[in-house]
Amino acid sequence: SVGVVRLLTVDPLPTATLVKELGSCRLIFVVEEAHESSGIKEVLAWEINRFVPDCRIDGIDLGGNFACHGDIPSLHKHYGLDATSIASRIKEVVQNEN
């Protein structure tokens, strides 16, 4: 079972709402078009773990190198941000959890 939450605001981060939406789920997977360590994943992990210490935060971002140029579909595929790559990565993470 998978749920999707789209953050429409990050300041303030809606931590209480996210914790409520999390329910019994203990894995959050963040997909963002941001440079490694400059997106919301780290802040989200810090905030969620204050209330749900056993929750794991994982995700996909643009990595730590300079971003390539190209058309959006090609870039999404290159960085693993296309639907097929995201689904594959989430399956891999869930299998490693079990």
Protein backbone atom coordinates (compact mmCIF):
# COMPACT_ATOMS: atom_id res chain seq x y z
CA SER A 1 0.00 0.00 0.00
CA VAL A 2 1.35 3.40 -1.00
CA GLY A 3 0.09 6.89 -0.29
CA VAL A 4 1.14 10.15 -1.89
CA VAL A 5 1.39 13.48 -0.12
CA ARG A 6 2.25 16.58 -2.09
CA LEU A 7 3.74 19.35 0.01
CA LEU A 8 2.27 22.68 -1.05
CA THR A 9 4.12 24.60 1.64
CA VAL A 10 7.40 24.05 3.43
CA ASP A 11 7.44 27.13 5.65
CA PRO A 12 6.11 26.29 8.07
CA LEU A 13 6.53 22.59 7.42
CA PRO A 14 3.14 20.93 8.12
CA THR A 15 4.67 18.36 10.49
CA ALA A 16 1.50 17.62 12.49
CA THR A 17 -0.46 16.96 9.29
CA LEU A 18 2.30 14.74 7.92
CA VAL A 19 2.53 12.71 11.13
CA LYS A 20 -1.27 12.28 11.05
CA GLU A 21 -1.17 11.19 7.38
CA LEU A 22 1.69 8.81 8.14
CA GLY A 23 -0.50 6.61 10.35
CA SER A 24 1.22 3.25 10.86
CA CYS A 25 3.53 3.73 7.88
CA ARG A 26 7.20 3.87 8.84
CA LEU A 27 8.77 4.66 5.47
CA ILE A 28 8.59 7.99 3.67
CA PHE A 29 10.05 8.28 0.21
CA VAL A 30 10.79 11.82 -0.97
CA VAL A 31 11.08 12.58 -4.69
CA GLU A 32 12.37 16.04 -5.46
CA GLU A 33 13.98 17.98 -8.28
CA ALA A 34 16.62 19.45 -6.01
CA HIS A 35 20.36 19.15 -5.56
CA GLU A 36 21.49 16.60 -2.99
CA SER A 37 21.20 17.98 0.57
CA SER A 38 19.45 21.16 -0.57
CA GLY A 39 15.89 19.88 -0.75
CA ILE A 40 13.27 19.15 1.87
CA LYS A 41 14.26 15.53 2.60
CA GLU A 42 16.70 16.26 5.44
CA VAL A 43 14.44 18.79 7.17
CA LEU A 44 11.49 16.46 6.76
CA ALA A 45 13.45 13.57 8.28
CA TRP A 46 14.51 15.69 11.24
CA GLU A 47 10.95 16.90 11.92
CA ILE A 48 9.19 13.55 11.42
CA ASN A 49 11.73 11.68 13.55
CA ARG A 50 11.00 14.02 16.46
CA PHE A 51 7.48 12.55 16.60
CA VAL A 52 7.98 9.13 14.98
CA PRO A 53 11.54 8.01 15.81
CA ASP A 54 11.25 4.67 13.99
CA CYS A 55 10.23 6.26 10.68
CA ARG A 56 12.74 5.97 7.83
CA ILE A 57 13.08 8.71 5.22
CA ASP A 58 14.57 7.80 1.84
CA GLY A 59 14.34 9.34 -1.58
CA ILE A 60 15.61 10.44 -4.95
CA ASP A 61 17.03 13.82 -5.91
CA LEU A 62 19.38 15.26 -8.54
CA GLY A 63 22.51 14.05 -6.78
CA GLY A 64 25.57 16.05 -5.88
CA ASN A 65 27.02 16.92 -9.29
CA PHE A 66 26.19 19.74 -11.66
CA ALA A 67 22.81 19.21 -13.29
CA CYS A 68 22.73 18.19 -16.94
CA HIS A 69 20.74 20.07 -19.56
CA GLY A 70 18.12 18.61 -21.82
CA ASP A 71 14.42 18.08 -22.28
CA ILE A 72 12.42 17.32 -19.13
CA PRO A 73 11.50 13.67 -19.90
CA SER A 74 15.14 12.83 -20.68
CA LEU A 75 16.35 14.55 -17.50
CA HIS A 76 13.74 12.80 -15.37
CA LYS A 77 14.87 9.45 -16.74
CA HIS A 78 18.57 10.34 -16.32
CA TYR A 79 18.09 11.23 -12.65
CA GLY A 80 15.63 8.43 -11.87
CA LEU A 81 12.73 10.82 -11.47
CA ASP A 82 10.48 9.22 -14.10
CA ALA A 83 7.58 7.03 -12.96
CA THR A 84 9.26 3.71 -13.83
CA SER A 85 12.49 4.60 -12.02
CA ILE A 86 10.65 5.90 -8.96
CA ALA A 87 8.54 2.75 -8.70
CA SER A 88 11.62 0.55 -9.12
CA ARG A 89 13.56 2.45 -6.44
CA ILE A 90 10.65 2.31 -3.97
CA LYS A 91 10.30 -1.45 -4.54
CA GLU A 92 14.03 -1.86 -3.91
CA VAL A 93 13.86 0.13 -0.67
CA VAL A 94 10.78 -1.75 0.58
CA GLN A 95 12.37 -5.13 -0.21
CA ASN A 96 15.49 -4.11 1.73
CA GLU A 97 13.31 -3.10 4.69
CA ASN A 98 11.82 -6.60 4.89
